[in-house]
Amino acid sequence: MIGGTYLSLMIVVLLGIAPWLTLITIITIPTAFRLMKIVANNSEPHALQPVLRQTASLHAQFGMLFVVGWAAAWLLEALI
């Protein structure tokens, strides 16, 4: 599911739907991989509980960076 987020981002950028500056969200990939590794290696609820907060944080970071990418693209377009 997490990988699909980044794949769909690449697709919408390649199709010209989203500006290339939205690719700034790629900086969240290391966090996503770290969280996926924790989930893959643990099955106990106690070990997985912190992952819930961290995935919510990842979602917020991705969303904010996506908006920043759009805003930066609009700003650049307005200046050019």
PDB file of N, CA and C in Angstrom:
ATOM      1  N   MET A   1       0.811  -1.186   0.000  1.00  0.00           N
ATOM      2  CA  MET A   1       0.000   0.000   0.000  1.00  0.00           C
ATOM      3  C   MET A   1       0.866   1.266   0.000  1.00  0.00           C
ATOM      4  N   ILE A   2       1.889   1.256   0.824  1.00  0.00           N
ATOM      5  CA  ILE A   2       2.769   2.429   0.871  1.00  0.00           C
ATOM      6  C   ILE A   2       3.504   2.584  -0.451  1.00  0.00           C
ATOM      7  N   GLY A   3       3.981   1.485  -0.995  1.00  0.00           N
ATOM      8  CA  GLY A   3       4.680   1.546  -2.276  1.00  0.00           C
ATOM      9  C   GLY A   3       3.792   2.070  -3.391  1.00  0.00           C
ATOM     10  N   GLY A   4       2.506   1.758  -3.321  1.00  0.00           N
ATOM     11  CA  GLY A   4       1.561   2.236  -4.324  1.00  0.00           C
ATOM     12  C   GLY A   4       1.429   3.749  -4.325  1.00  0.00           C
ATOM     13  N   THR A   5       1.614   4.342  -3.165  1.00  0.00           N
ATOM     14  CA  THR A   5       1.549   5.801  -3.061  1.00  0.00           C
ATOM     15  C   THR A   5       2.632   6.444  -3.911  1.00  0.00           C
ATOM     16  N   TYR A   6       3.846   5.938  -3.771  1.00  0.00           N
ATOM     17  CA  TYR A   6       4.971   6.514  -4.512  1.00  0.00           C
ATOM     18  C   TYR A   6       4.884   6.176  -6.001  1.00  0.00           C
ATOM     19  N   LEU A   7       4.412   4.982  -6.307  1.00  0.00           N
ATOM     20  CA  LEU A   7       4.238   4.590  -7.708  1.00  0.00           C
ATOM     21  C   LEU A   7       3.185   5.470  -8.385  1.00  0.00           C
ATOM     22  N   SER A   8       2.070   5.682  -7.703  1.00  0.00           N
ATOM     23  CA  SER A   8       1.028   6.524  -8.303  1.00  0.00           C
ATOM     24  C   SER A   8       1.498   7.964  -8.447  1.00  0.00           C
ATOM     25  N   LEU A   9       2.313   8.436  -7.519  1.00  0.00           N
ATOM     26  CA  LEU A   9       2.877   9.781  -7.648  1.00  0.00           C
ATOM     27  C   LEU A   9       3.727   9.878  -8.910  1.00  0.00           C
ATOM     28  N   MET A  10       4.580   8.887  -9.126  1.00  0.00           N
ATOM     29  CA  MET A  10       5.423   8.881 -10.325  1.00  0.00           C
ATOM     30  C   MET A  10       4.567   8.895 -11.597  1.00  0.00           C
ATOM     31  N   ILE A  11       3.502   8.118 -11.577  1.00  0.00           N
ATOM     32  CA  ILE A  11       2.633   8.032 -12.755  1.00  0.00           C
ATOM     33  C   ILE A  11       1.962   9.373 -13.038  1.00  0.00           C
ATOM     34  N   VAL A  12       1.407  10.019 -11.996  1.00  0.00           N
ATOM     35  CA  VAL A  12       0.718  11.289 -12.248  1.00  0.00           C
ATOM     36  C   VAL A  12       1.689  12.389 -12.663  1.00  0.00           C
ATOM     37  N   VAL A  13       2.935  12.303 -12.200  1.00  0.00           N
ATOM     38  CA  VAL A  13       3.940  13.279 -12.648  1.00  0.00           C
ATOM     39  C   VAL A  13       4.307  13.001 -14.104  1.00  0.00           C
ATOM     40  N   LEU A  14       4.535  11.733 -14.435  1.00  0.00           N
ATOM     41  CA  LEU A  14       4.883  11.383 -15.816  1.00  0.00           C
ATOM     42  C   LEU A  14       3.756  11.707 -16.796  1.00  0.00           C
ATOM     43  N   LEU A  15       2.518  11.605 -16.349  1.00  0.00           N
ATOM     44  CA  LEU A  15       1.378  11.933 -17.206  1.00  0.00           C
ATOM     45  C   LEU A  15       1.120  13.437 -17.280  1.00  0.00           C
ATOM     46  N   GLY A  16       1.850  14.204 -16.494  1.00  0.00           N
ATOM     47  CA  GLY A  16       1.685  15.650 -16.511  1.00  0.00           C
ATOM     48  C   GLY A  16       0.511  16.150 -15.688  1.00  0.00           C
ATOM     49  N   ILE A  17      -0.046  15.293 -14.858  1.00  0.00           N
ATOM     50  CA  ILE A  17      -1.178  15.682 -14.018  1.00  0.00           C
ATOM     51  C   ILE A  17      -0.697  16.485 -12.810  1.00  0.00           C
ATOM     52  N   ALA A  18       0.400  16.047 -12.228  1.00  0.00           N
ATOM     53  CA  ALA A  18       0.999  16.757 -11.093  1.00  0.00           C
ATOM     54  C   ALA A  18       2.338  17.330 -11.540  1.00  0.00           C
ATOM     55  N   PRO A  19       2.722  18.477 -10.998  1.00  0.00           N
ATOM     56  CA  PRO A  19       4.008  19.069 -11.384  1.00  0.00           C
ATOM     57  C   PRO A  19       5.179  18.269 -10.827  1.00  0.00           C
ATOM     58  N   TRP A  20       6.318  18.384 -11.488  1.00  0.00           N
ATOM     59  CA  TRP A  20       7.498  17.619 -11.076  1.00  0.00           C
ATOM     60  C   TRP A  20       7.957  18.000  -9.672  1.00  0.00           C
ATOM     61  N   LEU A  21       7.624  19.191  -9.209  1.00  0.00           N
ATOM     62  CA  LEU A  21       8.037  19.601  -7.865  1.00  0.00           C
ATOM     63  C   LEU A  21       7.348  18.799  -6.758  1.00  0.00           C
ATOM     64  N   THR A  22       6.264  18.103  -7.096  1.00  0.00           N
ATOM     65  CA  THR A  22       5.615  17.259  -6.093  1.00  0.00           C
ATOM     66  C   THR A  22       6.469  16.033  -5.766  1.00  0.00           C
ATOM     67  N   LEU A  23       7.487  15.799  -6.580  1.00  0.00           N
ATOM     68  CA  LEU A  23       8.399  14.682  -6.301  1.00  0.00           C
ATOM     69  C   LEU A  23       9.233  14.920  -5.046  1.00  0.00           C
ATOM     70  N   ILE A  24       9.112  16.100  -4.444  1.00  0.00           N
ATOM     71  CA  ILE A  24       9.780  16.365  -3.172  1.00  0.00           C
ATOM     72  C   ILE A  24       9.341  15.345  -2.118  1.00  0.00           C
ATOM     73  N   THR A  25       8.171  14.765  -2.310  1.00  0.00           N
ATOM     74  CA  THR A  25       7.661  13.773  -1.364  1.00  0.00           C
ATOM     75  C   THR A  25       8.535  12.524  -1.305  1.00  0.00           C
ATOM     76  N   ILE A  26       9.380  12.344  -2.293  1.00  0.00           N
ATOM     77  CA  ILE A  26      10.263  11.171  -2.327  1.00  0.00           C
ATOM     78  C   ILE A  26      11.194  11.135  -1.115  1.00  0.00           C
ATOM     79  N   ILE A  27      11.431  12.291  -0.496  1.00  0.00           N
ATOM     80  CA  ILE A  27      12.316  12.292   0.675  1.00  0.00           C
ATOM     81  C   ILE A  27      11.715  11.520   1.849  1.00  0.00           C
ATOM     82  N   THR A  28      10.434  11.156   1.769  1.00  0.00           N
ATOM     83  CA  THR A  28       9.820  10.367   2.834  1.00  0.00           C
ATOM     84  C   THR A  28       9.985   8.859   2.623  1.00  0.00           C
ATOM     85  N   ILE A  29      10.572   8.454   1.519  1.00  0.00           N
ATOM     86  CA  ILE A  29      10.730   7.016   1.228  1.00  0.00           C
ATOM     87  C   ILE A  29      11.537   6.274   2.297  1.00  0.00           C
ATOM     88  N   PRO A  30      12.644   6.814   2.807  1.00  0.00           N
ATOM     89  CA  PRO A  30      13.365   6.076   3.851  1.00  0.00           C
ATOM     90  C   PRO A  30      12.494   5.771   5.076  1.00  0.00           C
ATOM     91  N   THR A  31      11.664   6.708   5.466  1.00  0.00           N
ATOM     92  CA  THR A  31      10.755   6.475   6.591  1.00  0.00           C
ATOM     93  C   THR A  31       9.761   5.376   6.245  1.00  0.00           C
ATOM     94  N   ALA A  32       9.234   5.410   5.044  1.00  0.00           N
ATOM     95  CA  ALA A  32       8.276   4.392   4.611  1.00  0.00           C
ATOM     96  C   ALA A  32       8.913   3.003   4.632  1.00  0.00           C
ATOM     97  N   PHE A  33      10.140   2.888   4.123  1.00  0.00           N
ATOM     98  CA  PHE A  33      10.825   1.589   4.122  1.00  0.00           C
ATOM     99  C   PHE A  33      11.110   1.110   5.542  1.00  0.00           C
ATOM    100  N   ARG A  34      11.486   2.032   6.415  1.00  0.00           N
ATOM    101  CA  ARG A  34      11.759   1.662   7.808  1.00  0.00           C
ATOM    102  C   ARG A  34      10.490   1.116   8.457  1.00  0.00           C
ATOM    103  N   LEU A  35       9.361   1.776   8.230  1.00  0.00           N
ATOM    104  CA  LEU A  35       8.094   1.317   8.805  1.00  0.00           C
ATOM    105  C   LEU A  35       7.658  -0.022   8.215  1.00  0.00           C
ATOM    106  N   MET A  36       7.849  -0.198   6.916  1.00  0.00           N
ATOM    107  CA  MET A  36       7.498  -1.482   6.291  1.00  0.00           C
ATOM    108  C   MET A  36       8.356  -2.606   6.857  1.00  0.00           C
ATOM    109  N   LYS A  37       9.617  -2.316   7.136  1.00  0.00           N
ATOM    110  CA  LYS A  37      10.516  -3.324   7.700  1.00  0.00           C
ATOM    111  C   LYS A  37      10.068  -3.717   9.106  1.00  0.00           C
ATOM    112  N   ILE A  38       9.659  -2.730   9.903  1.00  0.00           N
ATOM    113  CA  ILE A  38       9.174  -3.022  11.252  1.00  0.00           C
ATOM    114  C   ILE A  38       7.946  -3.921  11.192  1.00  0.00           C
ATOM    115  N   VAL A  39       7.016  -3.607  10.316  1.00  0.00           N
ATOM    116  CA  VAL A  39       5.787  -4.396  10.189  1.00  0.00           C
ATOM    117  C   VAL A  39       6.096  -5.802   9.688  1.00  0.00           C
ATOM    118  N   ALA A  40       7.016  -5.921   8.747  1.00  0.00           N
ATOM    119  CA  ALA A  40       7.359  -7.234   8.193  1.00  0.00           C
ATOM    120  C   ALA A  40       8.044  -8.134   9.218  1.00  0.00           C
ATOM    121  N   ASN A  41       8.781  -7.533  10.145  1.00  0.00           N
ATOM    122  CA  ASN A  41       9.561  -8.319  11.104  1.00  0.00           C
ATOM    123  C   ASN A  41       8.883  -8.513  12.454  1.00  0.00           C
ATOM    124  N   ASN A  42       7.703  -7.955  12.652  1.00  0.00           N
ATOM    125  CA  ASN A  42       7.021  -8.064  13.941  1.00  0.00           C
ATOM    126  C   ASN A  42       5.566  -8.445  13.737  1.00  0.00           C
ATOM    127  N   SER A  43       5.070  -9.265  14.647  1.00  0.00           N
ATOM    128  CA  SER A  43       3.657  -9.617  14.595  1.00  0.00           C
ATOM    129  C   SER A  43       2.961  -9.340  15.925  1.00  0.00           C
ATOM    130  N   GLU A  44       3.732  -8.944  16.928  1.00  0.00           N
ATOM    131  CA  GLU A  44       3.145  -8.667  18.236  1.00  0.00           C
ATOM    132  C   GLU A  44       2.553  -7.259  18.269  1.00  0.00           C
ATOM    133  N   PRO A  45       1.333  -7.141  18.781  1.00  0.00           N
ATOM    134  CA  PRO A  45       0.681  -5.827  18.831  1.00  0.00           C
ATOM    135  C   PRO A  45       1.508  -4.771  19.561  1.00  0.00           C
ATOM    136  N   HIS A  46       2.195  -5.186  20.621  1.00  0.00           N
ATOM    137  CA  HIS A  46       3.001  -4.227  21.388  1.00  0.00           C
ATOM    138  C   HIS A  46       4.114  -3.629  20.527  1.00  0.00           C
ATOM    139  N   ALA A  47       4.702  -4.428  19.677  1.00  0.00           N
ATOM    140  CA  ALA A  47       5.779  -3.947  18.804  1.00  0.00           C
ATOM    141  C   ALA A  47       5.240  -3.091  17.665  1.00  0.00           C
ATOM    142  N   LEU A  48       3.998  -3.348  17.276  1.00  0.00           N
ATOM    143  CA  LEU A  48       3.417  -2.626  16.141  1.00  0.00           C
ATOM    144  C   LEU A  48       2.696  -1.341  16.541  1.00  0.00           C
ATOM    145  N   GLN A  49       2.391  -1.186  17.820  1.00  0.00           N
ATOM    146  CA  GLN A  49       1.641  -0.014  18.257  1.00  0.00           C
ATOM    147  C   GLN A  49       2.317   1.313  17.891  1.00  0.00           C
ATOM    148  N   PRO A  50       3.623   1.476  18.085  1.00  0.00           N
ATOM    149  CA  PRO A  50       4.255   2.747  17.699  1.00  0.00           C
ATOM    150  C   PRO A  50       4.180   3.020  16.196  1.00  0.00           C
ATOM    151  N   VAL A  51       4.069   1.971  15.413  1.00  0.00           N
ATOM    152  CA  VAL A  51       4.011   2.130  13.960  1.00  0.00           C
ATOM    153  C   VAL A  51       2.743   2.887  13.548  1.00  0.00           C
ATOM    154  N   LEU A  52       1.673   2.737  14.307  1.00  0.00           N
ATOM    155  CA  LEU A  52       0.433   3.456  13.986  1.00  0.00           C
ATOM    156  C   LEU A  52       0.659   4.964  13.990  1.00  0.00           C
ATOM    157  N   ARG A  53       1.300   5.458  15.046  1.00  0.00           N
ATOM    158  CA  ARG A  53       1.595   6.897  15.116  1.00  0.00           C
ATOM    159  C   ARG A  53       2.552   7.311  14.014  1.00  0.00           C
ATOM    160  N   GLN A  54       3.547   6.476  13.765  1.00  0.00           N
ATOM    161  CA  GLN A  54       4.563   6.819  12.774  1.00  0.00           C
ATOM    162  C   GLN A  54       3.999   6.821  11.354  1.00  0.00           C
ATOM    163  N   THR A  55       3.064   5.918  11.064  1.00  0.00           N
ATOM    164  CA  THR A  55       2.461   5.936   9.729  1.00  0.00           C
ATOM    165  C   THR A  55       1.544   7.148   9.567  1.00  0.00           C
ATOM    166  N   ALA A  56       0.898   7.554  10.650  1.00  0.00           N
ATOM    167  CA  ALA A  56       0.092   8.782  10.594  1.00  0.00           C
ATOM    168  C   ALA A  56       0.994   9.984  10.332  1.00  0.00           C
ATOM    169  N   SER A  57       2.143   9.993  10.967  1.00  0.00           N
ATOM    170  CA  SER A  57       3.112  11.072  10.752  1.00  0.00           C
ATOM    171  C   SER A  57       3.631  11.049   9.315  1.00  0.00           C
ATOM    172  N   LEU A  58       3.912   9.861   8.802  1.00  0.00           N
ATOM    173  CA  LEU A  58       4.364   9.725   7.417  1.00  0.00           C
ATOM    174  C   LEU A  58       3.301  10.263   6.457  1.00  0.00           C
ATOM    175  N   HIS A  59       2.058   9.925   6.715  1.00  0.00           N
ATOM    176  CA  HIS A  59       0.951  10.404   5.880  1.00  0.00           C
ATOM    177  C   HIS A  59       0.895  11.934   5.892  1.00  0.00           C
ATOM    178  N   ALA A  60       1.040  12.516   7.073  1.00  0.00           N
ATOM    179  CA  ALA A  60       1.008  13.981   7.191  1.00  0.00           C
ATOM    180  C   ALA A  60       2.192  14.621   6.468  1.00  0.00           C
ATOM    181  N   GLN A  61       3.376  14.035   6.633  1.00  0.00           N
ATOM    182  CA  GLN A  61       4.569  14.571   5.968  1.00  0.00           C
ATOM    183  C   GLN A  61       4.416  14.512   4.452  1.00  0.00           C
ATOM    184  N   PHE A  62       3.972  13.372   3.966  1.00  0.00           N
ATOM    185  CA  PHE A  62       3.779  13.213   2.526  1.00  0.00           C
ATOM    186  C   PHE A  62       2.781  14.249   2.017  1.00  0.00           C
ATOM    187  N   GLY A  63       1.662  14.381   2.706  1.00  0.00           N
ATOM    188  CA  GLY A  63       0.632  15.328   2.290  1.00  0.00           C
ATOM    189  C   GLY A  63       1.121  16.766   2.285  1.00  0.00           C
ATOM    190  N   MET A  64       1.838  17.148   3.336  1.00  0.00           N
ATOM    191  CA  MET A  64       2.352  18.520   3.399  1.00  0.00           C
ATOM    192  C   MET A  64       3.367  18.785   2.299  1.00  0.00           C
ATOM    193  N   LEU A  65       4.245  17.829   2.061  1.00  0.00           N
ATOM    194  CA  LEU A  65       5.242  18.005   1.007  1.00  0.00           C
ATOM    195  C   LEU A  65       4.591  18.040  -0.373  1.00  0.00           C
ATOM    196  N   PHE A  66       3.548  17.260  -0.554  1.00  0.00           N
ATOM    197  CA  PHE A  66       2.823  17.268  -1.823  1.00  0.00           C
ATOM    198  C   PHE A  66       2.217  18.652  -2.073  1.00  0.00           C
ATOM    199  N   VAL A  67       1.624  19.222  -1.044  1.00  0.00           N
ATOM    200  CA  VAL A  67       1.043  20.567  -1.156  1.00  0.00           C
ATOM    201  C   VAL A  67       2.136  21.598  -1.404  1.00  0.00           C
ATOM    202  N   VAL A  68       3.267  21.462  -0.716  1.00  0.00           N
ATOM    203  CA  VAL A  68       4.394  22.378  -0.929  1.00  0.00           C
ATOM    204  C   VAL A  68       4.873  22.292  -2.377  1.00  0.00           C
ATOM    205  N   GLY A  69       4.937  21.086  -2.918  1.00  0.00           N
ATOM    206  CA  GLY A  69       5.337  20.906  -4.314  1.00  0.00           C
ATOM    207  C   GLY A  69       4.391  21.607  -5.273  1.00  0.00           C
ATOM    208  N   TRP A  70       3.089  21.449  -5.042  1.00  0.00           N
ATOM    209  CA  TRP A  70       2.096  22.138  -5.885  1.00  0.00           C
ATOM    210  C   TRP A  70       2.223  23.649  -5.751  1.00  0.00           C
ATOM    211  N   ALA A  71       2.345  24.132  -4.513  1.00  0.00           N
ATOM    212  CA  ALA A  71       2.442  25.581  -4.284  1.00  0.00           C
ATOM    213  C   ALA A  71       3.688  26.157  -4.944  1.00  0.00           C
ATOM    214  N   ALA A  72       4.801  25.441  -4.822  1.00  0.00           N
ATOM    215  CA  ALA A  72       6.045  25.907  -5.446  1.00  0.00           C
ATOM    216  C   ALA A  72       5.907  25.938  -6.967  1.00  0.00           C
ATOM    217  N   ALA A  73       5.247  24.945  -7.526  1.00  0.00           N
ATOM    218  CA  ALA A  73       5.046  24.910  -8.981  1.00  0.00           C
ATOM    219  C   ALA A  73       4.175  26.082  -9.431  1.00  0.00           C
ATOM    220  N   TRP A  74       3.111  26.357  -8.689  1.00  0.00           N
ATOM    221  CA  TRP A  74       2.248  27.495  -9.034  1.00  0.00           C
ATOM    222  C   TRP A  74       3.008  28.807  -8.923  1.00  0.00           C
ATOM    223  N   LEU A  75       3.824  28.925  -7.873  1.00  0.00           N
ATOM    224  CA  LEU A  75       4.618  30.139  -7.679  1.00  0.00           C
ATOM    225  C   LEU A  75       5.598  30.339  -8.822  1.00  0.00           C
ATOM    226  N   LEU A  76       6.306  29.279  -9.179  1.00  0.00           N
ATOM    227  CA  LEU A  76       7.260  29.370 -10.290  1.00  0.00           C
ATOM    228  C   LEU A  76       6.560  29.728 -11.597  1.00  0.00           C
ATOM    229  N   GLU A  77       5.402  29.134 -11.808  1.00  0.00           N
ATOM    230  CA  GLU A  77       4.650  29.421 -13.032  1.00  0.00           C
ATOM    231  C   GLU A  77       4.200  30.885 -13.066  1.00  0.00           C
ATOM    232  N   ALA A  78       3.831  31.412 -11.916  1.00  0.00           N
ATOM    233  CA  ALA A  78       3.390  32.807 -11.843  1.00  0.00           C
ATOM    234  C   ALA A  78       4.551  33.770 -12.076  1.00  0.00           C
ATOM    235  N   LEU A  79       5.743  33.366 -11.664  1.00  0.00           N
ATOM    236  CA  LEU A  79       6.919  34.222 -11.814  1.00  0.00           C
ATOM    237  C   LEU A  79       7.505  34.178 -13.217  1.00  0.00           C
ATOM    238  N   ILE A  80       7.237  33.111 -13.928  1.00  0.00           N
ATOM    239  CA  ILE A  80       7.834  32.949 -15.265  1.00  0.00           C
ATOM    240  C   ILE A  80       6.944  33.508 -16.336  1.00  0.00           C
TER     241      ILE A  80
END
